[in-house]
Amino acid sequence: MRIPIFIAASLSIVPTPASAAAFVDEAAWRAAVFDVYGLEIFDALPAGSDVNTLPALGIRFLPLNDGTQPTVQAYANTGGVVKSGPNNLLNDRDFSLPARGPINVVPLNLGDSIFGLGMWNVGGDDQLRLTFYDSSGGIIEQVTSAPSFGFFGIVNSMGAARAEVDFVGGNGYAPTDDWQAAARRVIVPGAVPEPSTWAMMLLGFGFVGGGMRSAKRRQKVTVSYA
């Protein structure tokens, strides 16, 4: 599957203090990463297959608690609320409860960081939590999904070393879908706004406005799986 990634080229970045923000609105999250992200909807991957890496998103999945990997599963088997069917990502392989623990991801490439990660909770009866960690294991930011169904994501201006999806409520059996990540070091975002003020930040930073207004300073890059 070919994933379009829009990369803002030739932006002059002004260093700003590290900042992180939690989002439950997909459009606001995408704006906060300047539309520089990869998207995986899991529909081109065979149901039942292990997921070790998502190269177009720049992330690698760590093993679950029992040493197995998250798997691609059909909504017909997992249940839940369909976001973009027919498949989703599940922290299990045999549909047992309480599944096999949290999902953890790290950057695929050495020296990269996870600047942004978002996804949809499609479990139908679960509430999930996304946590960003720094290289020392300290918590950078957390966001909790709506119960049953909804987008949740984080953007961190300095990048995270690891991200974890775990459970606030429900049975620990957690289908997710529409993963989107900004993990490559193609642009270092400035201060990340709170969800209610991200639009004001985009207007206020001259380098962002200039980059978005000039068509010559944007290029479209198509990335495909190896």
C-alpha atoms as a PDB file:
ATOM      1  CA  MET A   1       0.000   0.000   0.000  1.00  0.00           C
ATOM      2  CA  ARG A   2       1.341   3.426  -0.914  1.00  0.00           C
ATOM      3  CA  ILE A   3       0.996   6.082   1.753  1.00  0.00           C
ATOM      4  CA  PRO A   4       1.036   9.790   0.825  1.00  0.00           C
ATOM      5  CA  ILE A   5       3.144  11.907   3.131  1.00  0.00           C
ATOM      6  CA  PHE A   6       3.256  15.660   2.701  1.00  0.00           C
ATOM      7  CA  ILE A   7       6.583  17.161   3.706  1.00  0.00           C
ATOM      8  CA  ALA A   8       7.045  20.889   4.165  1.00  0.00           C
ATOM      9  CA  ALA A   9      10.474  21.548   2.660  1.00  0.00           C
ATOM     10  CA  SER A  10      12.857  24.443   3.225  1.00  0.00           C
ATOM     11  CA  LEU A  11      11.177  25.816   6.328  1.00  0.00           C
ATOM     12  CA  SER A  12      13.286  28.000   8.565  1.00  0.00           C
ATOM     13  CA  ILE A  13      12.789  26.597  12.048  1.00  0.00           C
ATOM     14  CA  VAL A  14      12.995  28.881  15.056  1.00  0.00           C
ATOM     15  CA  PRO A  15      13.948  26.984  18.253  1.00  0.00           C
ATOM     16  CA  THR A  16      11.260  27.095  20.913  1.00  0.00           C
ATOM     17  CA  PRO A  17      10.843  25.467  24.321  1.00  0.00           C
ATOM     18  CA  ALA A  18       9.711  21.848  24.359  1.00  0.00           C
ATOM     19  CA  SER A  19       5.962  21.493  24.503  1.00  0.00           C
ATOM     20  CA  ALA A  20       3.411  18.704  24.235  1.00  0.00           C
ATOM     21  CA  ALA A  21      -0.330  18.612  23.773  1.00  0.00           C
ATOM     22  CA  ALA A  22      -3.075  15.985  23.838  1.00  0.00           C
ATOM     23  CA  PHE A  23      -5.780  15.812  21.179  1.00  0.00           C
ATOM     24  CA  VAL A  24      -9.135  14.105  20.782  1.00  0.00           C
ATOM     25  CA  ASP A  25      -9.845  15.808  17.456  1.00  0.00           C
ATOM     26  CA  GLU A  26      -8.171  14.295  14.406  1.00  0.00           C
ATOM     27  CA  ALA A  27      -8.153  17.483  12.315  1.00  0.00           C
ATOM     28  CA  ALA A  28      -6.510  19.453  15.131  1.00  0.00           C
ATOM     29  CA  TRP A  29      -3.844  16.752  15.580  1.00  0.00           C
ATOM     30  CA  ARG A  30      -3.035  16.788  11.869  1.00  0.00           C
ATOM     31  CA  ALA A  31      -2.745  20.558  11.849  1.00  0.00           C
ATOM     32  CA  ALA A  32      -0.402  20.420  14.855  1.00  0.00           C
ATOM     33  CA  VAL A  33       2.025  18.174  12.920  1.00  0.00           C
ATOM     34  CA  PHE A  34       1.746  20.518   9.897  1.00  0.00           C
ATOM     35  CA  ASP A  35       0.150  17.699   7.860  1.00  0.00           C
ATOM     36  CA  VAL A  36       3.458  15.796   7.929  1.00  0.00           C
ATOM     37  CA  TYR A  37       2.377  12.270   8.818  1.00  0.00           C
ATOM     38  CA  GLY A  38       1.938   8.744   7.537  1.00  0.00           C
ATOM     39  CA  LEU A  39      -1.368   6.878   7.718  1.00  0.00           C
ATOM     40  CA  GLU A  40      -2.025   3.148   8.073  1.00  0.00           C
ATOM     41  CA  ILE A  41      -5.551   1.725   7.942  1.00  0.00           C
ATOM     42  CA  PHE A  42      -4.436  -1.964   7.960  1.00  0.00           C
ATOM     43  CA  ASP A  43      -6.704  -2.976   5.093  1.00  0.00           C
ATOM     44  CA  ALA A  44      -3.902  -3.922   2.675  1.00  0.00           C
ATOM     45  CA  LEU A  45      -2.261  -6.188   5.273  1.00  0.00           C
ATOM     46  CA  PRO A  46      -3.510  -9.793   5.538  1.00  0.00           C
ATOM     47  CA  ALA A  47      -5.827 -10.506   8.466  1.00  0.00           C
ATOM     48  CA  GLY A  48      -4.015 -12.587  11.068  1.00  0.00           C
ATOM     49  CA  SER A  49      -0.568 -11.228  10.209  1.00  0.00           C
ATOM     50  CA  ASP A  50       1.875  -9.965  12.831  1.00  0.00           C
ATOM     51  CA  VAL A  51       2.817  -6.294  12.717  1.00  0.00           C
ATOM     52  CA  ASN A  52       6.470  -5.645  13.495  1.00  0.00           C
ATOM     53  CA  THR A  53       7.095  -2.356  11.702  1.00  0.00           C
ATOM     54  CA  LEU A  54       5.185   0.300   9.769  1.00  0.00           C
ATOM     55  CA  PRO A  55       7.943   1.833   7.613  1.00  0.00           C
ATOM     56  CA  ALA A  56       5.739   4.535   6.128  1.00  0.00           C
ATOM     57  CA  LEU A  57       4.955   5.735   9.651  1.00  0.00           C
ATOM     58  CA  GLY A  58       8.542   5.354  10.857  1.00  0.00           C
ATOM     59  CA  ILE A  59       7.629   3.186  13.863  1.00  0.00           C
ATOM     60  CA  ARG A  60       8.454  -0.282  15.206  1.00  0.00           C
ATOM     61  CA  PHE A  61       6.241  -2.355  17.522  1.00  0.00           C
ATOM     62  CA  LEU A  62       7.759  -3.889  20.628  1.00  0.00           C
ATOM     63  CA  PRO A  63       6.542  -7.366  21.679  1.00  0.00           C
ATOM     64  CA  LEU A  64       3.421  -7.651  23.815  1.00  0.00           C
ATOM     65  CA  ASN A  65       3.577  -9.016  27.360  1.00  0.00           C
ATOM     66  CA  ASP A  66       3.787 -12.641  26.197  1.00  0.00           C
ATOM     67  CA  GLY A  67       6.408 -11.967  23.513  1.00  0.00           C
ATOM     68  CA  THR A  68       4.001 -11.995  20.562  1.00  0.00           C
ATOM     69  CA  GLN A  69       3.308  -9.061  18.246  1.00  0.00           C
ATOM     70  CA  PRO A  70       0.120  -7.053  17.651  1.00  0.00           C
ATOM     71  CA  THR A  71      -1.856  -8.539  14.773  1.00  0.00           C
ATOM     72  CA  VAL A  72      -4.091  -7.360  11.962  1.00  0.00           C
ATOM     73  CA  GLN A  73      -7.604  -8.694  12.500  1.00  0.00           C
ATOM     74  CA  ALA A  74     -10.944  -8.362  10.739  1.00  0.00           C
ATOM     75  CA  TYR A  75     -13.712  -6.334  12.362  1.00  0.00           C
ATOM     76  CA  ALA A  76     -15.888  -9.370  11.706  1.00  0.00           C
ATOM     77  CA  ASN A  77     -13.831 -11.216  14.339  1.00  0.00           C
ATOM     78  CA  THR A  78     -12.967  -8.449  16.803  1.00  0.00           C
ATOM     79  CA  GLY A  79     -16.283  -6.625  16.914  1.00  0.00           C
ATOM     80  CA  GLY A  80     -16.241  -2.957  17.830  1.00  0.00           C
ATOM     81  CA  VAL A  81     -17.142   0.141  15.836  1.00  0.00           C
ATOM     82  CA  VAL A  82     -15.838   0.148  12.259  1.00  0.00           C
ATOM     83  CA  LYS A  83     -13.697   3.187  11.363  1.00  0.00           C
ATOM     84  CA  SER A  84     -12.199   2.144   8.015  1.00  0.00           C
ATOM     85  CA  GLY A  85     -12.813  -1.553   7.478  1.00  0.00           C
ATOM     86  CA  PRO A  86     -12.394  -4.379   6.986  1.00  0.00           C
ATOM     87  CA  ASN A  87      -9.378  -4.670   9.339  1.00  0.00           C
ATOM     88  CA  ASN A  88      -7.966  -3.164  12.519  1.00  0.00           C
ATOM     89  CA  LEU A  89      -4.930  -3.656  14.782  1.00  0.00           C
ATOM     90  CA  LEU A  90      -5.396  -5.866  17.849  1.00  0.00           C
ATOM     91  CA  ASN A  91      -3.236  -6.569  20.904  1.00  0.00           C
ATOM     92  CA  ASP A  92      -4.031 -10.285  20.596  1.00  0.00           C
ATOM     93  CA  ARG A  93      -4.040 -13.126  18.084  1.00  0.00           C
ATOM     94  CA  ASP A  94      -6.658 -15.633  19.296  1.00  0.00           C
ATOM     95  CA  PHE A  95      -9.404 -13.278  20.568  1.00  0.00           C
ATOM     96  CA  SER A  96      -8.848 -14.299  24.187  1.00  0.00           C
ATOM     97  CA  LEU A  97      -9.495 -12.063  27.184  1.00  0.00           C
ATOM     98  CA  PRO A  98      -7.904 -10.009  28.645  1.00  0.00           C
ATOM     99  CA  ALA A  99      -5.672  -9.977  25.549  1.00  0.00           C
ATOM    100  CA  ARG A 100      -1.884  -9.652  25.768  1.00  0.00           C
ATOM    101  CA  GLY A 101      -1.109  -6.278  27.272  1.00  0.00           C
ATOM    102  CA  PRO A 102      -0.328  -2.743  26.099  1.00  0.00           C
ATOM    103  CA  ILE A 103       0.984  -1.867  22.643  1.00  0.00           C
ATOM    104  CA  ASN A 104       4.367  -0.112  22.647  1.00  0.00           C
ATOM    105  CA  VAL A 105       6.065   1.550  19.684  1.00  0.00           C
ATOM    106  CA  VAL A 106       9.464   3.159  19.192  1.00  0.00           C
ATOM    107  CA  PRO A 107      11.003   5.010  16.222  1.00  0.00           C
ATOM    108  CA  LEU A 108      12.013   2.687  13.410  1.00  0.00           C
ATOM    109  CA  ASN A 109      15.200   4.550  12.551  1.00  0.00           C
ATOM    110  CA  LEU A 110      18.071   5.255  14.916  1.00  0.00           C
ATOM    111  CA  GLY A 111      18.146   8.941  15.854  1.00  0.00           C
ATOM    112  CA  ASP A 112      14.486   9.555  15.038  1.00  0.00           C
ATOM    113  CA  SER A 113      11.812  10.519  17.547  1.00  0.00           C
ATOM    114  CA  ILE A 114       8.045  10.231  17.630  1.00  0.00           C
ATOM    115  CA  PHE A 115       6.844  13.818  17.273  1.00  0.00           C
ATOM    116  CA  GLY A 116       3.212  12.855  16.823  1.00  0.00           C
ATOM    117  CA  LEU A 117       1.088   9.724  17.120  1.00  0.00           C
ATOM    118  CA  GLY A 118      -2.662   9.347  16.870  1.00  0.00           C
ATOM    119  CA  MET A 119      -5.190   6.594  16.262  1.00  0.00           C
ATOM    120  CA  TRP A 120      -8.830   5.630  16.681  1.00  0.00           C
ATOM    121  CA  ASN A 121     -10.229   3.583  19.533  1.00  0.00           C
ATOM    122  CA  VAL A 122     -12.669   1.216  17.805  1.00  0.00           C
ATOM    123  CA  GLY A 123     -13.204  -1.292  20.623  1.00  0.00           C
ATOM    124  CA  GLY A 124     -16.840  -0.481  21.264  1.00  0.00           C
ATOM    125  CA  ASP A 125     -16.589  -1.059  25.020  1.00  0.00           C
ATOM    126  CA  ASP A 126     -13.081   0.054  26.005  1.00  0.00           C
ATOM    127  CA  GLN A 127     -11.364   3.292  26.956  1.00  0.00           C
ATOM    128  CA  LEU A 128      -7.712   3.605  25.936  1.00  0.00           C
ATOM    129  CA  ARG A 129      -4.806   5.817  26.986  1.00  0.00           C
ATOM    130  CA  LEU A 130      -1.820   6.941  24.916  1.00  0.00           C
ATOM    131  CA  THR A 131       1.376   7.902  26.766  1.00  0.00           C
ATOM    132  CA  PHE A 132       4.568   9.476  25.390  1.00  0.00           C
ATOM    133  CA  TYR A 133       7.817   8.666  27.227  1.00  0.00           C
ATOM    134  CA  ASP A 134      11.234  10.285  27.036  1.00  0.00           C
ATOM    135  CA  SER A 135      14.502   8.328  26.792  1.00  0.00           C
ATOM    136  CA  SER A 136      14.689   8.046  30.594  1.00  0.00           C
ATOM    137  CA  GLY A 137      11.205   6.539  30.896  1.00  0.00           C
ATOM    138  CA  GLY A 138       9.630   9.748  32.171  1.00  0.00           C
ATOM    139  CA  ILE A 139       6.110  10.630  31.076  1.00  0.00           C
ATOM    140  CA  ILE A 140       5.936  13.503  28.592  1.00  0.00           C
ATOM    141  CA  GLU A 141       2.182  13.593  27.964  1.00  0.00           C
ATOM    142  CA  GLN A 142      -0.928  11.404  28.156  1.00  0.00           C
ATOM    143  CA  VAL A 143      -4.319  11.426  26.475  1.00  0.00           C
ATOM    144  CA  THR A 144      -7.372   9.252  27.101  1.00  0.00           C
ATOM    145  CA  SER A 145      -9.790   8.269  24.363  1.00  0.00           C
ATOM    146  CA  ALA A 146     -13.524   8.600  24.522  1.00  0.00           C
ATOM    147  CA  PRO A 147     -15.175   5.393  25.722  1.00  0.00           C
ATOM    148  CA  SER A 148     -16.041   2.970  22.934  1.00  0.00           C
ATOM    149  CA  PHE A 149     -15.004   5.013  19.868  1.00  0.00           C
ATOM    150  CA  GLY A 150     -12.980   8.096  19.006  1.00  0.00           C
ATOM    151  CA  PHE A 151      -9.657   9.617  17.966  1.00  0.00           C
ATOM    152  CA  PHE A 152      -6.871  10.277  20.487  1.00  0.00           C
ATOM    153  CA  GLY A 153      -3.337  11.513  19.890  1.00  0.00           C
ATOM    154  CA  ILE A 154      -0.340  13.497  21.130  1.00  0.00           C
ATOM    155  CA  VAL A 155       2.101  15.929  19.547  1.00  0.00           C
ATOM    156  CA  ASN A 156       5.423  16.657  21.242  1.00  0.00           C
ATOM    157  CA  SER A 157       7.770  19.316  19.877  1.00  0.00           C
ATOM    158  CA  MET A 158      10.985  17.570  20.984  1.00  0.00           C
ATOM    159  CA  GLY A 159       9.956  14.012  20.159  1.00  0.00           C
ATOM    160  CA  ALA A 160       9.307  10.930  22.296  1.00  0.00           C
ATOM    161  CA  ALA A 161      11.483   7.827  22.622  1.00  0.00           C
ATOM    162  CA  ARG A 162       8.510   5.483  23.134  1.00  0.00           C
ATOM    163  CA  ALA A 163       4.719   5.555  22.988  1.00  0.00           C
ATOM    164  CA  GLU A 164       2.363   3.166  24.758  1.00  0.00           C
ATOM    165  CA  VAL A 165      -1.318   2.366  24.247  1.00  0.00           C
ATOM    166  CA  ASP A 166      -2.862   0.856  27.369  1.00  0.00           C
ATOM    167  CA  PHE A 167      -6.261   0.586  29.034  1.00  0.00           C
ATOM    168  CA  VAL A 168      -8.242   2.857  31.312  1.00  0.00           C
ATOM    169  CA  GLY A 169     -11.438   0.855  31.235  1.00  0.00           C
ATOM    170  CA  GLY A 170     -12.810  -2.240  29.556  1.00  0.00           C
ATOM    171  CA  ASN A 171     -11.484  -5.758  29.209  1.00  0.00           C
ATOM    172  CA  GLY A 172      -7.975  -5.045  27.919  1.00  0.00           C
ATOM    173  CA  TYR A 173      -8.910  -6.302  24.453  1.00  0.00           C
ATOM    174  CA  ALA A 174      -8.275  -3.224  22.359  1.00  0.00           C
ATOM    175  CA  PRO A 175      -8.813  -2.923  18.599  1.00  0.00           C
ATOM    176  CA  THR A 176      -7.452   0.325  17.145  1.00  0.00           C
ATOM    177  CA  ASP A 177      -7.476   1.703  13.602  1.00  0.00           C
ATOM    178  CA  ASP A 178      -6.234   4.526  11.388  1.00  0.00           C
ATOM    179  CA  TRP A 179      -2.803   4.879  12.994  1.00  0.00           C
ATOM    180  CA  GLN A 180      -1.041   8.089  11.984  1.00  0.00           C
ATOM    181  CA  ALA A 181       2.434   9.134  12.973  1.00  0.00           C
ATOM    182  CA  ALA A 182       4.990  11.884  12.486  1.00  0.00           C
ATOM    183  CA  ALA A 183       8.215  10.094  13.361  1.00  0.00           C
ATOM    184  CA  ARG A 184      10.767  11.148  10.779  1.00  0.00           C
ATOM    185  CA  ARG A 185      13.100  14.020  11.480  1.00  0.00           C
ATOM    186  CA  VAL A 186      11.936  16.017   8.455  1.00  0.00           C
ATOM    187  CA  ILE A 187      10.635  18.951  10.453  1.00  0.00           C
ATOM    188  CA  VAL A 188      10.951  19.904  14.098  1.00  0.00           C
ATOM    189  CA  PRO A 189       7.665  21.505  15.195  1.00  0.00           C
ATOM    190  CA  GLY A 190       7.794  24.586  17.350  1.00  0.00           C
ATOM    191  CA  ALA A 191       5.701  25.016  20.481  1.00  0.00           C
ATOM    192  CA  VAL A 192       2.673  22.737  20.309  1.00  0.00           C
ATOM    193  CA  PRO A 193      -0.611  24.405  21.244  1.00  0.00           C
ATOM    194  CA  GLU A 194      -3.446  23.159  23.331  1.00  0.00           C
ATOM    195  CA  PRO A 195      -6.201  21.746  21.107  1.00  0.00           C
ATOM    196  CA  SER A 196      -8.355  24.874  21.524  1.00  0.00           C
ATOM    197  CA  THR A 197      -5.600  27.235  20.359  1.00  0.00           C
ATOM    198  CA  TRP A 198      -3.723  25.370  17.627  1.00  0.00           C
ATOM    199  CA  ALA A 199      -5.207  27.547  14.878  1.00  0.00           C
ATOM    200  CA  MET A 200      -3.979  30.717  16.576  1.00  0.00           C
ATOM    201  CA  MET A 201      -0.479  29.237  16.743  1.00  0.00           C
ATOM    202  CA  LEU A 202      -0.496  28.464  13.037  1.00  0.00           C
ATOM    203  CA  LEU A 203      -1.423  32.062  12.288  1.00  0.00           C
ATOM    204  CA  GLY A 204       1.039  33.474  14.770  1.00  0.00           C
ATOM    205  CA  PHE A 205       4.244  31.774  13.623  1.00  0.00           C
ATOM    206  CA  GLY A 206       5.534  33.522  10.528  1.00  0.00           C
ATOM    207  CA  PHE A 207       7.599  30.603   9.317  1.00  0.00           C
ATOM    208  CA  VAL A 208       4.564  28.343   9.301  1.00  0.00           C
ATOM    209  CA  GLY A 209       2.418  30.854   7.476  1.00  0.00           C
ATOM    210  CA  GLY A 210       5.102  31.471   4.905  1.00  0.00           C
ATOM    211  CA  GLY A 211       5.629  27.784   4.325  1.00  0.00           C
ATOM    212  CA  MET A 212       1.943  27.108   3.896  1.00  0.00           C
ATOM    213  CA  ARG A 213       1.379  30.089   1.558  1.00  0.00           C
ATOM    214  CA  SER A 214       4.197  29.321  -0.850  1.00  0.00           C
ATOM    215  CA  ALA A 215       3.461  26.420  -3.177  1.00  0.00           C
ATOM    216  CA  LYS A 216       7.082  26.345  -4.212  1.00  0.00           C
ATOM    217  CA  ARG A 217       8.115  25.492  -0.663  1.00  0.00           C
ATOM    218  CA  ARG A 218       6.034  22.338  -0.418  1.00  0.00           C
ATOM    219  CA  GLN A 219       6.588  19.011  -2.149  1.00  0.00           C
ATOM    220  CA  LYS A 220       4.625  15.791  -2.253  1.00  0.00           C
ATOM    221  CA  VAL A 221       6.497  12.579  -1.474  1.00  0.00           C
ATOM    222  CA  THR A 222       5.072   9.090  -1.948  1.00  0.00           C
ATOM    223  CA  VAL A 223       6.397   6.422   0.377  1.00  0.00           C
ATOM    224  CA  SER A 224       5.764   2.726  -0.148  1.00  0.00           C
ATOM    225  CA  TYR A 225       6.406  -0.338   1.987  1.00  0.00           C
ATOM    226  CA  ALA A 226       9.693  -2.126   1.491  1.00  0.00           C
END
